Amino acid sequence: MNLRGVEKTDKWGYIFTVFYNGEKFHSFDEMAGKTTVKGEFRRVMNELGFTWAKGIQQGGRTDAKVSAERNLLYVSSNFQGDLKEIIFKFNEKMKESIFIRKVEKTFPNLSFPEFMEQREYLYRYPKKRIKRPLEEIERTIKEISGTYDVSLFTDKKGLELKEHERTVEVSYEKGILKFIGNSFMPKQVRNMAGYIFSGNVETYPGKFLTLEKVYIKKELDDKIILSALDIEIDGVEKIEKTKDESLYIFYVKTENKGEVIGKNASNIKNLRKKFGNIVIREI
């Protein structure tokens, strides 16, 4: 993540924390002629005036019928309107299937999945369907927790991936399986759930699985952009800063840009001595 990526574009990256009901969709990724999570997110947001050029990246990809409490969807956009109003309208229209919990602004054009630290899944299998003794369930959980080649628990699509080693920690409390890992292969969690509850590698139904939360790396969290309401500078309409204060963004009207920069860049040089890295955006 570097500052040039911010200086040379008028776009920002937007991270949407979303809930969705997996049973309302055919699948997660966009697919022509199908109702998908990404497809519906794009369709409705575009209709409301929030657009972007490239695809939607995600914090965690979910199988068909799998729900999410807090997945992350990331896009880069040059949108300059009222995003709060758009989110309100989106949620009013889509609240039964997708709900935007919050949005955060950050650097644009990131390879977003690379900045994910961990993903947490919960599997809520009906207690009446579980026939295996608790002791065997707990023993199997210890067996499959750790770092190793998880090829046994994926499908053909997963076997085609270059890396098969994954780290996963599994726990079981109050009838709920919890899986925490840095990355998961296709169907891995559902196959592990089947193995835990039956003793055989079976793909258990997606409707009982929820992507509970995605944890981002500190490197990305530090670059979340916040309002700097405590700073006022003549000629600057609005100021924002990254969470780690490594970058400040000054929003200025076109007619005031020269004044803010100053003759021979004298003003901006003094401001950079005080604040460090500064990017000026015209509004």
Protein backbone atom coordinates (compact mmCIF):
# COMPACT_ATOMS: atom_id res chain seq x y z
CA MET A 1 0.00 0.00 0.00
CA ASN A 2 1.67 3.22 -1.12
CA LEU A 3 0.71 6.89 -1.30
CA ARG A 4 1.18 7.12 -5.06
CA GLY A 5 -1.87 4.93 -5.46
CA VAL A 6 -3.86 7.71 -3.81
CA GLU A 7 -2.14 10.66 -5.50
CA LYS A 8 -2.64 9.46 -9.07
CA THR A 9 -6.37 8.74 -9.00
CA ASP A 10 -9.63 10.37 -7.97
CA LYS A 11 -10.95 7.06 -6.64
CA TRP A 12 -11.23 5.73 -3.11
CA GLY A 13 -11.58 2.20 -1.87
CA TYR A 14 -14.81 1.37 -0.02
CA ILE A 15 -15.20 -1.55 2.39
CA PHE A 16 -18.82 -2.54 2.97
CA THR A 17 -19.57 -4.74 5.98
CA VAL A 18 -22.64 -6.72 4.93
CA PHE A 19 -25.11 -9.26 6.26
CA TYR A 20 -26.81 -11.56 3.77
CA ASN A 21 -29.19 -14.50 3.88
CA GLY A 22 -27.59 -17.20 1.72
CA GLU A 23 -30.91 -18.96 1.12
CA LYS A 24 -32.13 -15.94 -0.85
CA PHE A 25 -29.40 -16.40 -3.49
CA HIS A 26 -28.27 -18.96 -6.03
CA SER A 27 -24.61 -18.37 -5.14
CA PHE A 28 -22.09 -15.73 -4.04
CA ASP A 29 -20.16 -14.64 -7.16
CA GLU A 30 -21.75 -12.83 -10.07
CA MET A 31 -23.31 -15.19 -12.62
CA ALA A 32 -25.37 -14.26 -15.67
CA GLY A 33 -29.05 -15.05 -15.27
CA LYS A 34 -28.73 -15.96 -11.57
CA THR A 35 -29.57 -14.08 -8.39
CA THR A 36 -26.25 -13.86 -6.54
CA VAL A 37 -24.91 -11.88 -3.58
CA LYS A 38 -22.42 -9.87 -5.59
CA GLY A 39 -24.77 -9.51 -8.53
CA GLU A 40 -27.59 -8.05 -6.45
CA PHE A 41 -25.21 -5.78 -4.54
CA ARG A 42 -23.90 -4.36 -7.83
CA ARG A 43 -27.33 -4.07 -9.43
CA VAL A 44 -28.98 -2.14 -6.61
CA MET A 45 -25.99 0.07 -5.77
CA ASN A 46 -25.61 1.00 -9.45
CA GLU A 47 -29.34 1.79 -9.70
CA LEU A 48 -28.94 4.14 -6.72
CA GLY A 49 -26.01 5.97 -8.33
CA PHE A 50 -22.97 4.35 -6.70
CA THR A 51 -20.90 2.82 -9.50
CA TRP A 52 -17.46 1.31 -10.05
CA ALA A 53 -15.56 -0.08 -13.02
CA LYS A 54 -13.94 -3.32 -11.87
CA GLY A 55 -15.25 -6.35 -10.01
CA ILE A 56 -16.24 -6.73 -6.38
CA GLN A 57 -13.61 -8.24 -4.08
CA GLN A 58 -14.52 -10.00 -0.86
CA GLY A 59 -13.16 -10.68 2.60
CA GLY A 60 -14.48 -14.23 2.48
CA ARG A 61 -16.06 -16.19 -0.34
CA THR A 62 -19.08 -18.27 0.68
CA ASP A 63 -20.57 -21.41 -0.90
CA ALA A 64 -24.12 -21.52 -2.24
CA LYS A 65 -26.80 -21.06 0.47
CA VAL A 66 -24.21 -19.96 3.05
CA SER A 67 -25.11 -16.79 4.96
CA ALA A 68 -22.89 -14.07 6.42
CA GLU A 69 -23.22 -11.89 9.49
CA ARG A 70 -20.26 -9.66 8.64
CA ASN A 71 -18.60 -10.32 5.31
CA LEU A 72 -16.64 -7.57 3.57
CA LEU A 73 -17.19 -6.35 0.00
CA TYR A 74 -14.59 -4.00 -1.49
CA VAL A 75 -14.78 -1.75 -4.56
CA SER A 76 -12.90 1.29 -5.88
CA SER A 77 -15.07 4.21 -6.97
CA ASN A 78 -14.84 7.91 -7.80
CA PHE A 79 -18.26 8.50 -6.24
CA GLN A 80 -18.64 11.96 -4.66
CA GLY A 81 -22.27 12.03 -3.52
CA ASP A 82 -24.09 11.19 -0.30
CA LEU A 83 -23.19 7.58 0.47
CA LYS A 84 -25.24 7.54 3.69
CA GLU A 85 -28.42 8.22 1.72
CA ILE A 86 -27.59 5.49 -0.80
CA ILE A 87 -26.94 2.95 1.96
CA PHE A 88 -30.23 3.88 3.64
CA LYS A 89 -32.12 3.34 0.37
CA PHE A 90 -30.23 0.11 -0.31
CA ASN A 91 -31.13 -1.30 3.10
CA GLU A 92 -34.77 -0.29 2.74
CA LYS A 93 -34.97 -2.16 -0.55
CA MET A 94 -32.82 -5.20 0.25
CA LYS A 95 -33.15 -5.69 4.03
CA GLU A 96 -34.69 -9.16 3.68
CA SER A 97 -31.67 -10.48 1.76
CA ILE A 98 -28.66 -8.10 2.08
CA PHE A 99 -28.06 -5.41 4.68
CA ILE A 100 -25.12 -2.98 4.74
CA ARG A 101 -23.99 -2.65 8.36
CA LYS A 102 -21.34 0.00 7.72
CA VAL A 103 -18.93 1.36 5.12
CA GLU A 104 -15.31 2.45 5.57
CA LYS A 105 -13.11 4.37 3.16
CA THR A 106 -9.53 3.36 2.40
CA PHE A 107 -6.93 3.20 -0.37
CA PRO A 108 -8.21 2.29 -3.86
CA ASN A 109 -7.21 -0.53 -6.21
CA LEU A 110 -6.06 -2.95 -3.52
CA SER A 111 -5.72 -6.71 -3.87
CA PHE A 112 -8.21 -6.90 -1.03
CA PRO A 113 -8.09 -10.61 0.00
CA GLU A 114 -4.37 -10.24 0.74
CA PHE A 115 -5.22 -7.96 3.66
CA MET A 116 -7.40 -10.48 5.49
CA GLU A 117 -5.98 -11.81 8.77
CA GLN A 118 -8.58 -14.43 9.69
CA ARG A 119 -12.07 -15.64 8.89
CA GLU A 120 -14.53 -17.00 11.43
CA TYR A 121 -17.34 -19.43 10.53
CA LEU A 122 -20.10 -20.87 12.71
CA TYR A 123 -21.91 -24.11 11.91
CA ARG A 124 -25.26 -24.51 13.68
CA TYR A 125 -26.32 -28.08 12.99
CA PRO A 126 -29.65 -29.12 14.58
CA LYS A 127 -28.92 -30.95 17.83
CA LYS A 128 -31.56 -33.62 17.14
CA ARG A 129 -29.65 -34.67 14.01
CA ILE A 130 -26.36 -35.25 15.84
CA LYS A 131 -25.96 -38.95 16.63
CA ARG A 132 -22.28 -39.01 17.53
CA PRO A 133 -21.19 -38.97 21.20
CA LEU A 134 -19.70 -35.72 22.53
CA GLU A 135 -16.39 -37.43 23.37
CA GLU A 136 -15.93 -38.50 19.74
CA ILE A 137 -16.85 -35.02 18.51
CA GLU A 138 -14.28 -33.40 20.81
CA ARG A 139 -11.61 -35.92 19.82
CA THR A 140 -12.22 -35.26 16.11
CA ILE A 141 -12.05 -31.50 16.67
CA LYS A 142 -8.58 -31.85 18.20
CA GLU A 143 -7.56 -34.09 15.30
CA ILE A 144 -8.46 -31.59 12.57
CA SER A 145 -7.25 -28.39 14.31
CA GLY A 146 -3.81 -27.11 13.31
CA THR A 147 -1.76 -26.35 10.19
CA TYR A 148 -1.67 -29.05 7.51
CA ASP A 149 -2.74 -30.10 4.00
CA VAL A 150 -6.56 -30.00 4.06
CA SER A 151 -7.08 -31.59 0.62
CA LEU A 152 -9.24 -34.29 2.23
CA PHE A 153 -11.84 -31.65 3.06
CA THR A 154 -12.21 -29.86 -0.28
CA ASP A 155 -13.61 -30.58 -3.74
CA LYS A 156 -12.21 -30.76 -7.28
CA LYS A 157 -12.12 -26.97 -7.52
CA GLY A 158 -10.13 -26.75 -4.31
CA LEU A 159 -7.65 -29.41 -5.41
CA GLU A 160 -6.84 -27.27 -8.45
CA LEU A 161 -5.50 -24.50 -6.20
CA LYS A 162 -1.71 -24.25 -5.82
CA GLU A 163 -1.63 -24.15 -2.02
CA HIS A 164 -3.45 -26.83 -0.02
CA GLU A 165 -2.01 -26.11 3.42
CA ARG A 166 -4.29 -24.21 5.78
CA THR A 167 -4.38 -23.26 9.45
CA VAL A 168 -7.66 -23.85 11.25
CA GLU A 169 -8.74 -23.89 14.88
CA VAL A 170 -12.03 -25.62 15.66
CA SER A 171 -14.08 -25.43 18.86
CA TYR A 172 -17.52 -26.64 19.95
CA GLU A 173 -19.69 -24.82 22.47
CA LYS A 174 -23.44 -24.81 23.13
CA GLY A 175 -24.06 -26.94 20.06
CA ILE A 176 -22.21 -24.58 17.70
CA LEU A 177 -19.03 -25.39 15.79
CA LYS A 178 -16.62 -22.47 15.40
CA PHE A 179 -13.92 -22.47 12.71
CA ILE A 180 -11.22 -19.78 12.72
CA GLY A 181 -8.53 -19.76 10.05
CA ASN A 182 -6.42 -17.58 7.81
CA SER A 183 -7.96 -19.04 4.66
CA PHE A 184 -10.40 -21.79 3.72
CA MET A 185 -10.70 -23.99 0.64
CA PRO A 186 -14.01 -24.57 -1.19
CA LYS A 187 -16.43 -26.64 0.95
CA GLN A 188 -13.73 -27.09 3.62
CA VAL A 189 -15.86 -26.00 6.58
CA ARG A 190 -18.95 -27.99 5.55
CA ASN A 191 -16.86 -31.11 4.91
CA MET A 192 -15.15 -30.70 8.28
CA ALA A 193 -18.53 -30.31 9.95
CA GLY A 194 -19.66 -33.54 8.32
CA TYR A 195 -16.51 -35.31 9.49
CA ILE A 196 -16.96 -34.04 13.06
CA PHE A 197 -20.61 -34.99 13.39
CA SER A 198 -20.64 -38.24 11.39
CA GLY A 199 -17.07 -39.55 11.36
CA ASN A 200 -17.08 -39.46 7.54
CA VAL A 201 -16.11 -36.71 5.09
CA GLU A 202 -19.56 -35.53 4.02
CA THR A 203 -20.57 -32.14 2.65
CA TYR A 204 -23.12 -30.90 5.17
CA PRO A 205 -25.81 -28.38 4.08
CA GLY A 206 -24.78 -24.77 3.54
CA LYS A 207 -27.92 -23.38 5.16
CA PHE A 208 -26.52 -24.17 8.63
CA LEU A 209 -23.23 -22.32 7.97
CA THR A 210 -22.58 -18.63 8.61
CA LEU A 211 -19.51 -16.52 7.89
CA GLU A 212 -19.55 -14.75 11.23
CA LYS A 213 -16.74 -12.25 10.77
CA VAL A 214 -13.68 -11.37 8.72
CA TYR A 215 -10.65 -9.89 10.49
CA ILE A 216 -8.48 -7.47 8.52
CA LYS A 217 -4.73 -7.07 8.96
CA LYS A 218 -3.34 -4.10 10.89
CA GLU A 219 -1.74 -2.81 7.69
CA LEU A 220 -5.20 -2.23 6.21
CA ASP A 221 -6.85 -1.14 9.46
CA ASP A 222 -4.23 1.60 9.81
CA LYS A 223 -5.24 2.95 6.39
CA ILE A 224 -8.94 3.35 7.15
CA ILE A 225 -9.75 7.00 6.42
CA LEU A 226 -11.43 9.10 9.11
CA SER A 227 -12.69 12.66 9.38
CA ALA A 228 -10.27 15.10 11.03
CA LEU A 229 -12.86 17.45 12.49
CA ASP A 230 -10.40 18.97 14.98
CA ILE A 231 -8.24 20.55 12.25
CA GLU A 232 -9.08 23.77 10.40
CA ILE A 233 -6.94 25.33 7.66
CA ASP A 234 -7.77 28.42 5.60
CA GLY A 235 -8.96 27.51 2.12
CA VAL A 236 -9.50 23.84 2.98
CA GLU A 237 -13.15 22.71 2.97
CA LYS A 238 -12.68 19.32 4.62
CA ILE A 239 -9.82 17.28 6.07
CA GLU A 240 -9.50 13.53 6.44
CA LYS A 241 -6.69 11.34 7.75
CA THR A 242 -5.75 7.70 7.91
CA LYS A 243 -6.26 5.98 11.26
CA ASP A 244 -2.49 5.82 11.81
CA GLU A 245 -2.15 9.51 10.78
CA SER A 246 0.39 8.66 8.09
CA LEU A 247 -1.64 10.55 5.47
CA TYR A 248 -3.85 13.63 5.48
CA ILE A 249 -6.27 14.49 2.68
CA PHE A 250 -7.17 18.13 2.07
CA TYR A 251 -10.31 18.80 0.05
CA VAL A 252 -10.23 22.24 -1.60
CA LYS A 253 -12.28 24.16 -4.13
CA THR A 254 -10.51 24.59 -7.46
CA GLU A 255 -10.27 28.35 -7.01
CA ASN A 256 -8.57 27.93 -3.61
CA LYS A 257 -6.02 25.29 -4.58
CA GLY A 258 -3.30 27.79 -5.50
CA GLU A 259 -3.73 29.62 -2.22
CA VAL A 260 -3.45 26.41 -0.19
CA ILE A 261 -0.33 25.32 -2.06
CA GLY A 262 1.19 28.83 -1.96
CA LYS A 263 3.79 30.57 -4.09
CA ASN A 264 6.57 28.13 -4.98
CA ALA A 265 4.67 25.57 -2.87
CA SER A 266 5.64 27.47 0.29
CA ASN A 267 2.37 26.84 2.14
CA ILE A 268 2.11 23.15 1.37
CA LYS A 269 5.75 22.64 2.37
CA ASN A 270 5.04 24.15 5.79
CA LEU A 271 1.90 22.06 6.15
CA ARG A 272 3.85 18.90 5.30
CA LYS A 273 6.39 19.75 7.98
CA LYS A 274 3.52 19.78 10.46
CA PHE A 275 1.34 16.89 9.21
CA GLY A 276 3.63 14.72 7.07
CA ASN A 277 2.16 13.23 3.89
CA ILE A 278 -0.63 15.33 2.36
CA VAL A 279 -2.79 14.69 -0.70
CA ILE A 280 -4.91 17.52 -2.12
CA ARG A 281 -8.23 16.65 -3.75
CA GLU A 282 -10.33 19.20 -5.63
CA ILE A 283 -14.06 19.37 -4.97
